[in-house]
Amino acid sequence: MQNIRVAIATDNGNTCIERHFGDARYYYLYDIDMAGSHFVAKLENNLDIEEQESAHGDPRKASGIGGLLKQQQVNTAVSKVFGPNIKRLIKQYACILVSVDAIPEVLELLVQEQNRVFEELEKGEGRNPVDLRKNR
């Protein structure tokens, strides 16, 4: 089993954002394993692509966010919403959809469902989003 290092899209470090993953002010990074979750780092999304973005799904935005996360060995992206760039992100990351707001609850859910995340990570570029939202 490989390690799961998640980037959770947040504006305040306490809750997931209600916007696209790439629009977060910050990404809180955690390692997930059988023992639980462990905080790794807080990354600021300082990419100025939003102002230059020509349309939703601009590949420059996906590339910029992807580069930022790859430097930190992230392999899993977590958000309540992903935009059109999910088709690019999913080639590099397991993309996890959640409905809970509080980051501690998101982390609990990820620890419980880590086998599903591992399964998608192992699929490589052919992976699908993992939908952990309640009342789908």
C-alpha atoms as a PDB file:
ATOM      1  CA  MET A   1       0.000   0.000   0.000  1.00  0.00           C
ATOM      2  CA  GLN A   2       1.255   3.447  -0.862  1.00  0.00           C
ATOM      3  CA  ASN A   3       0.961   6.457   1.401  1.00  0.00           C
ATOM      4  CA  ILE A   4      -1.971   8.811   1.158  1.00  0.00           C
ATOM      5  CA  ARG A   5      -1.062  12.480   1.344  1.00  0.00           C
ATOM      6  CA  VAL A   6      -4.168  14.599   0.943  1.00  0.00           C
ATOM      7  CA  ALA A   7      -4.593  18.260   0.101  1.00  0.00           C
ATOM      8  CA  ILE A   8      -7.860  19.624   1.498  1.00  0.00           C
ATOM      9  CA  ALA A   9      -9.184  22.778  -0.170  1.00  0.00           C
ATOM     10  CA  THR A  10      -9.949  25.391   2.501  1.00  0.00           C
ATOM     11  CA  ASP A  11     -10.077  29.130   3.055  1.00  0.00           C
ATOM     12  CA  ASN A  12      -9.755  29.035   6.845  1.00  0.00           C
ATOM     13  CA  GLY A  13      -8.165  25.723   7.865  1.00  0.00           C
ATOM     14  CA  ASN A  14     -11.350  24.600   9.595  1.00  0.00           C
ATOM     15  CA  THR A  15     -13.811  23.801   6.812  1.00  0.00           C
ATOM     16  CA  CYS A  16     -13.817  22.692   3.183  1.00  0.00           C
ATOM     17  CA  ILE A  17     -14.641  25.353   0.628  1.00  0.00           C
ATOM     18  CA  GLU A  18     -17.925  25.429  -1.288  1.00  0.00           C
ATOM     19  CA  ARG A  19     -16.129  26.372  -4.539  1.00  0.00           C
ATOM     20  CA  HIS A  20     -13.900  24.521  -6.994  1.00  0.00           C
ATOM     21  CA  PHE A  21     -10.794  22.843  -5.581  1.00  0.00           C
ATOM     22  CA  GLY A  22      -8.495  25.222  -7.472  1.00  0.00           C
ATOM     23  CA  ASP A  23     -10.169  28.291  -5.967  1.00  0.00           C
ATOM     24  CA  ALA A  24      -9.096  27.568  -2.372  1.00  0.00           C
ATOM     25  CA  ARG A  25      -6.971  30.130  -0.531  1.00  0.00           C
ATOM     26  CA  TYR A  26      -5.090  27.295   1.165  1.00  0.00           C
ATOM     27  CA  TYR A  27      -4.473  23.572   0.965  1.00  0.00           C
ATOM     28  CA  TYR A  28      -4.023  21.779   4.267  1.00  0.00           C
ATOM     29  CA  LEU A  29      -1.906  18.680   3.808  1.00  0.00           C
ATOM     30  CA  TYR A  30      -2.333  15.534   5.883  1.00  0.00           C
ATOM     31  CA  ASP A  31      -0.912  12.031   5.776  1.00  0.00           C
ATOM     32  CA  ILE A  32      -3.534   9.318   6.222  1.00  0.00           C
ATOM     33  CA  ASP A  33      -2.718   5.858   7.544  1.00  0.00           C
ATOM     34  CA  MET A  34      -4.223   3.112   9.690  1.00  0.00           C
ATOM     35  CA  ALA A  35      -3.354   5.054  12.864  1.00  0.00           C
ATOM     36  CA  GLY A  36      -5.257   8.142  11.711  1.00  0.00           C
ATOM     37  CA  SER A  37      -4.344  11.468  10.164  1.00  0.00           C
ATOM     38  CA  HIS A  38      -1.276  13.615  10.696  1.00  0.00           C
ATOM     39  CA  PHE A  39      -0.945  17.299   9.773  1.00  0.00           C
ATOM     40  CA  VAL A  40       1.929  17.962   7.359  1.00  0.00           C
ATOM     41  CA  ALA A  41       1.722  21.549   6.098  1.00  0.00           C
ATOM     42  CA  LYS A  42      -0.375  24.547   5.121  1.00  0.00           C
ATOM     43  CA  LEU A  43       0.141  25.649   1.514  1.00  0.00           C
ATOM     44  CA  GLU A  44      -1.017  29.028   0.305  1.00  0.00           C
ATOM     45  CA  ASN A  45      -2.570  29.070  -3.140  1.00  0.00           C
ATOM     46  CA  ASN A  46      -0.677  32.113  -4.353  1.00  0.00           C
ATOM     47  CA  LEU A  47      -1.170  31.398  -8.042  1.00  0.00           C
ATOM     48  CA  ASP A  48      -2.444  34.506  -9.790  1.00  0.00           C
ATOM     49  CA  ILE A  49      -4.192  32.480 -12.473  1.00  0.00           C
ATOM     50  CA  GLU A  50      -7.722  33.363 -11.336  1.00  0.00           C
ATOM     51  CA  GLU A  51      -7.416  36.892 -12.715  1.00  0.00           C
ATOM     52  CA  GLN A  52      -5.920  35.613 -15.969  1.00  0.00           C
ATOM     53  CA  GLU A  53      -8.190  32.583 -16.323  1.00  0.00           C
ATOM     54  CA  SER A  54      -9.881  32.791 -19.717  1.00  0.00           C
ATOM     55  CA  ALA A  55     -12.612  30.258 -18.850  1.00  0.00           C
ATOM     56  CA  HIS A  56     -13.517  27.619 -16.295  1.00  0.00           C
ATOM     57  CA  GLY A  57     -11.195  24.680 -16.762  1.00  0.00           C
ATOM     58  CA  ASP A  58      -8.208  26.733 -17.921  1.00  0.00           C
ATOM     59  CA  PRO A  59      -5.314  24.234 -18.223  1.00  0.00           C
ATOM     60  CA  ARG A  60      -2.851  26.807 -16.791  1.00  0.00           C
ATOM     61  CA  LYS A  61      -4.767  26.736 -13.523  1.00  0.00           C
ATOM     62  CA  ALA A  62      -4.678  22.916 -13.307  1.00  0.00           C
ATOM     63  CA  SER A  63      -0.976  22.905 -14.156  1.00  0.00           C
ATOM     64  CA  GLY A  64      -0.161  25.552 -11.545  1.00  0.00           C
ATOM     65  CA  ILE A  65      -2.102  23.855  -8.765  1.00  0.00           C
ATOM     66  CA  GLY A  66      -0.715  20.462  -9.791  1.00  0.00           C
ATOM     67  CA  GLY A  67       2.852  21.749  -9.637  1.00  0.00           C
ATOM     68  CA  LEU A  68       2.295  23.262  -6.197  1.00  0.00           C
ATOM     69  CA  LEU A  69       0.924  19.982  -4.820  1.00  0.00           C
ATOM     70  CA  LYS A  70       3.455  17.690  -6.522  1.00  0.00           C
ATOM     71  CA  GLN A  71       6.289  19.523  -4.749  1.00  0.00           C
ATOM     72  CA  GLN A  72       4.752  18.312  -1.485  1.00  0.00           C
ATOM     73  CA  GLN A  73       4.225  14.717  -2.721  1.00  0.00           C
ATOM     74  CA  VAL A  74       0.447  15.051  -2.574  1.00  0.00           C
ATOM     75  CA  ASN A  75      -1.402  12.218  -4.308  1.00  0.00           C
ATOM     76  CA  THR A  76      -4.989  12.929  -3.215  1.00  0.00           C
ATOM     77  CA  ALA A  77      -7.117  16.064  -3.680  1.00  0.00           C
ATOM     78  CA  VAL A  78     -10.154  16.600  -1.413  1.00  0.00           C
ATOM     79  CA  SER A  79     -12.960  19.098  -1.942  1.00  0.00           C
ATOM     80  CA  LYS A  80     -16.707  19.541  -1.883  1.00  0.00           C
ATOM     81  CA  VAL A  81     -16.605  20.721  -5.517  1.00  0.00           C
ATOM     82  CA  PHE A  82     -14.305  20.164  -8.483  1.00  0.00           C
ATOM     83  CA  GLY A  83     -14.575  22.122 -11.706  1.00  0.00           C
ATOM     84  CA  PRO A  84     -13.848  21.099 -15.289  1.00  0.00           C
ATOM     85  CA  ASN A  85     -10.149  20.679 -14.470  1.00  0.00           C
ATOM     86  CA  ILE A  86     -10.953  17.464 -12.617  1.00  0.00           C
ATOM     87  CA  LYS A  87     -10.280  15.701 -15.924  1.00  0.00           C
ATOM     88  CA  ARG A  88      -6.678  16.927 -15.704  1.00  0.00           C
ATOM     89  CA  LEU A  89      -6.223  16.564 -11.945  1.00  0.00           C
ATOM     90  CA  ILE A  90      -7.501  12.991 -11.838  1.00  0.00           C
ATOM     91  CA  LYS A  91      -4.590  11.864 -14.020  1.00  0.00           C
ATOM     92  CA  GLN A  92      -2.220  12.770 -11.171  1.00  0.00           C
ATOM     93  CA  TYR A  93      -4.383  12.573  -8.047  1.00  0.00           C
ATOM     94  CA  ALA A  94      -7.167  10.588  -6.485  1.00  0.00           C
ATOM     95  CA  CYS A  95      -9.951  13.200  -6.374  1.00  0.00           C
ATOM     96  CA  ILE A  96     -12.239  12.824  -3.368  1.00  0.00           C
ATOM     97  CA  LEU A  97     -15.659  14.474  -3.141  1.00  0.00           C
ATOM     98  CA  VAL A  98     -16.976  15.115   0.361  1.00  0.00           C
ATOM     99  CA  SER A  99     -20.104  16.736   1.750  1.00  0.00           C
ATOM    100  CA  VAL A 100     -19.049  17.327   5.343  1.00  0.00           C
ATOM    101  CA  ASP A 101     -17.786  20.791   6.234  1.00  0.00           C
ATOM    102  CA  ALA A 102     -15.419  20.375   9.176  1.00  0.00           C
ATOM    103  CA  ILE A 103     -11.907  19.212   8.323  1.00  0.00           C
ATOM    104  CA  PRO A 104     -11.703  16.863  11.357  1.00  0.00           C
ATOM    105  CA  GLU A 105     -14.814  15.068  10.032  1.00  0.00           C
ATOM    106  CA  VAL A 106     -13.286  14.908   6.546  1.00  0.00           C
ATOM    107  CA  LEU A 107     -10.157  13.335   8.032  1.00  0.00           C
ATOM    108  CA  GLU A 108     -12.212  10.748   9.943  1.00  0.00           C
ATOM    109  CA  LEU A 109     -14.001   9.846   6.734  1.00  0.00           C
ATOM    110  CA  LEU A 110     -10.717   9.516   4.837  1.00  0.00           C
ATOM    111  CA  VAL A 111      -9.245   7.228   7.500  1.00  0.00           C
ATOM    112  CA  GLN A 112     -12.377   5.048   7.349  1.00  0.00           C
ATOM    113  CA  GLU A 113     -12.417   4.950   3.530  1.00  0.00           C
ATOM    114  CA  GLN A 114      -8.687   4.777   2.843  1.00  0.00           C
ATOM    115  CA  ASN A 115      -8.999   1.396   1.095  1.00  0.00           C
ATOM    116  CA  ARG A 116     -11.265   2.997  -1.533  1.00  0.00           C
ATOM    117  CA  VAL A 117      -8.736   5.795  -1.978  1.00  0.00           C
ATOM    118  CA  PHE A 118      -5.881   3.266  -2.374  1.00  0.00           C
ATOM    119  CA  GLU A 119      -7.881   1.377  -5.013  1.00  0.00           C
ATOM    120  CA  GLU A 120      -8.244   4.518  -7.120  1.00  0.00           C
ATOM    121  CA  LEU A 121      -4.627   5.583  -6.631  1.00  0.00           C
ATOM    122  CA  GLU A 122      -3.482   2.210  -7.964  1.00  0.00           C
ATOM    123  CA  LYS A 123      -5.488   2.699 -11.181  1.00  0.00           C
ATOM    124  CA  GLY A 124      -3.160   5.475 -12.334  1.00  0.00           C
ATOM    125  CA  GLU A 125      -4.490   7.753 -15.073  1.00  0.00           C
ATOM    126  CA  GLY A 126      -7.599   5.571 -15.437  1.00  0.00           C
ATOM    127  CA  ARG A 127      -8.914   6.450 -11.983  1.00  0.00           C
ATOM    128  CA  ASN A 128     -12.355   7.832 -11.183  1.00  0.00           C
ATOM    129  CA  PRO A 129     -13.396  10.357  -8.536  1.00  0.00           C
ATOM    130  CA  VAL A 130     -14.162   8.819  -5.136  1.00  0.00           C
ATOM    131  CA  ASP A 131     -17.547  10.098  -4.007  1.00  0.00           C
ATOM    132  CA  LEU A 132     -17.748  10.121  -0.219  1.00  0.00           C
ATOM    133  CA  ARG A 133     -20.702  12.501  -0.090  1.00  0.00           C
ATOM    134  CA  LYS A 134     -23.684  11.465   2.018  1.00  0.00           C
ATOM    135  CA  ASN A 135     -27.132  11.255   0.413  1.00  0.00           C
ATOM    136  CA  ARG A 136     -25.758  10.904  -3.123  1.00  0.00           C
END
